[in-house]
Amino acid sequence: MRRGFTMIELIFVIVIIGILAAVAIPRLAATRDDARAATMLTNLSTCISDVGAAYTARGALDTTMQSCTGVTNDACFKVAAGTDGTSIDVTVVGTDAACTAASTKATAQGLITNHQFGGQGIQ
């Protein structure tokens, strides 16, 4: 008699691997979306802070600075200068799963709004 695996044993192993993959792959995709949403929030928060610091230092808005390119590249949020010249407006423009998760968290943190800046400028 030969030693080895029977066809039934091999089929059982394949079925078990298939079940494990069916459970693990959706969880992996959700984790990837959560990580992307966290990155978007970090980029947005950094952009808002840097624009505020630059406005305080120079007395002029600059939404094209390096820290805001991450927000632009994410294509989830839009940061634009306000009409009064002392504020920026943050709006949601993306619609994918990661953007939806990021916009929900950003709204809860108060990032999706008009951000007013002040200061005299550093002489």
Protein backbone atom coordinates (compact mmCIF):
# COMPACT_ATOMS: atom_id res chain seq x y z
CA MET A 1 0.00 0.00 0.00
CA ARG A 2 1.31 3.44 -0.88
CA ARG A 3 1.58 6.20 1.65
CA GLY A 4 0.11 9.62 0.75
CA PHE A 5 -2.96 11.79 0.92
CA THR A 6 -6.28 10.61 -0.42
CA MET A 7 -8.35 12.75 -2.72
CA ILE A 8 -10.93 13.34 0.05
CA GLU A 9 -8.25 14.68 2.42
CA LEU A 10 -6.97 17.08 -0.24
CA ILE A 11 -10.50 18.33 -0.99
CA PHE A 12 -11.12 18.96 2.73
CA VAL A 13 -7.91 20.99 3.00
CA ILE A 14 -8.85 23.06 -0.06
CA VAL A 15 -12.35 23.71 1.33
CA ILE A 16 -10.94 24.80 4.70
CA ILE A 17 -8.45 27.16 3.01
CA GLY A 18 -11.31 28.59 0.92
CA ILE A 19 -13.43 29.26 4.00
CA LEU A 20 -10.53 30.96 5.77
CA ALA A 21 -9.86 33.12 2.72
CA ALA A 22 -13.54 34.09 2.45
CA VAL A 23 -13.43 35.36 6.03
CA ALA A 24 -9.99 37.02 5.93
CA ILE A 25 -10.12 38.94 2.64
CA PRO A 26 -13.07 41.25 3.55
CA ARG A 27 -11.43 42.02 6.89
CA LEU A 28 -8.20 42.89 5.13
CA ALA A 29 -10.04 45.25 2.76
CA ALA A 30 -11.77 46.97 5.69
CA THR A 31 -8.45 47.41 7.47
CA ARG A 32 -6.96 48.97 4.33
CA ASP A 33 -9.89 51.43 4.07
CA ASP A 34 -9.51 52.35 7.76
CA ALA A 35 -5.79 53.02 7.28
CA ARG A 36 -6.47 55.16 4.20
CA ALA A 37 -9.14 57.13 6.10
CA ALA A 38 -6.71 57.75 8.97
CA THR A 39 -4.10 58.99 6.50
CA MET A 40 -6.63 61.37 4.93
CA LEU A 41 -7.58 62.77 8.33
CA THR A 42 -3.95 63.30 9.26
CA ASN A 43 -3.26 65.07 5.95
CA LEU A 44 -6.30 67.32 6.41
CA SER A 45 -5.44 68.20 9.99
CA THR A 46 -1.82 68.99 9.06
CA CYS A 47 -2.95 71.16 6.15
CA ILE A 48 -5.33 73.18 8.34
CA SER A 49 -2.66 73.68 11.01
CA ASP A 50 -0.02 74.73 8.48
CA VAL A 51 -2.34 77.16 6.69
CA GLY A 52 -3.22 78.72 10.05
CA ALA A 53 0.42 79.00 11.08
CA ALA A 54 1.37 80.51 7.70
CA TYR A 55 -1.49 83.01 7.92
CA THR A 56 -0.42 84.04 11.40
CA ALA A 57 3.18 84.45 10.27
CA ARG A 58 2.62 86.17 6.91
CA GLY A 59 -0.88 87.58 7.12
CA ALA A 60 -1.92 85.85 3.87
CA LEU A 61 -3.61 82.55 3.08
CA ASP A 62 -1.72 79.89 1.14
CA THR A 63 -3.63 76.66 0.46
CA THR A 64 -1.06 75.49 -2.11
CA MET A 65 1.66 74.69 0.42
CA GLN A 66 3.37 71.31 0.54
CA SER A 67 1.32 69.95 3.45
CA CYS A 68 -1.92 70.50 1.51
CA THR A 69 -0.80 68.46 -1.51
CA GLY A 70 -1.61 65.27 0.41
CA VAL A 71 -5.21 66.46 0.80
CA THR A 72 -5.38 67.28 -2.90
CA ASN A 73 -3.85 63.95 -3.89
CA ASP A 74 -6.30 62.01 -1.70
CA ALA A 75 -9.20 63.53 -3.70
CA CYS A 76 -11.45 63.25 -0.68
CA PHE A 77 -11.45 66.78 0.75
CA LYS A 78 -11.19 70.20 -0.87
CA VAL A 79 -9.47 73.06 0.93
CA ALA A 80 -10.20 76.47 -0.54
CA ALA A 81 -9.63 80.05 0.60
CA GLY A 82 -12.72 81.70 2.02
CA THR A 83 -14.20 84.81 0.47
CA ASP A 84 -13.19 87.03 3.39
CA GLY A 85 -9.45 86.37 2.95
CA THR A 86 -8.95 85.21 6.54
CA SER A 87 -10.48 81.73 6.42
CA ILE A 88 -10.49 78.45 4.54
CA ASP A 89 -13.45 76.24 3.69
CA VAL A 90 -13.09 72.46 3.94
CA THR A 91 -15.58 70.36 1.99
CA VAL A 92 -15.93 66.68 1.16
CA VAL A 93 -15.61 65.78 -2.53
CA GLY A 94 -14.80 62.04 -2.51
CA THR A 95 -17.41 59.29 -2.42
CA ASP A 96 -15.54 56.00 -2.01
CA ALA A 97 -15.64 53.91 1.19
CA ALA A 98 -12.47 55.39 2.66
CA CYS A 99 -13.68 58.96 1.98
CA THR A 100 -17.02 58.23 3.60
CA ALA A 101 -15.30 56.90 6.72
CA ALA A 102 -12.84 59.82 6.77
CA SER A 103 -15.56 62.45 6.28
CA THR A 104 -17.63 60.97 9.11
CA LYS A 105 -14.66 61.16 11.47
CA ALA A 106 -13.65 64.61 10.20
CA THR A 107 -17.16 65.93 10.80
CA ALA A 108 -17.12 64.52 14.34
CA GLN A 109 -13.75 66.22 14.96
CA GLY A 110 -15.02 69.55 13.58
CA LEU A 111 -12.68 69.62 10.57
CA ILE A 112 -15.40 69.95 7.89
CA THR A 113 -16.23 73.60 8.34
CA ASN A 114 -15.01 77.13 7.74
CA HIS A 115 -11.75 77.71 9.64
CA GLN A 116 -11.19 81.35 10.62
CA PHE A 117 -7.63 82.57 11.18
CA GLY A 118 -6.32 85.68 12.83
CA GLY A 119 -3.09 87.35 13.74
CA GLN A 120 -1.05 90.36 12.83
CA GLY A 121 1.79 88.68 11.02
CA ILE A 122 5.32 88.38 12.32
CA GLN A 123 7.48 91.43 11.65
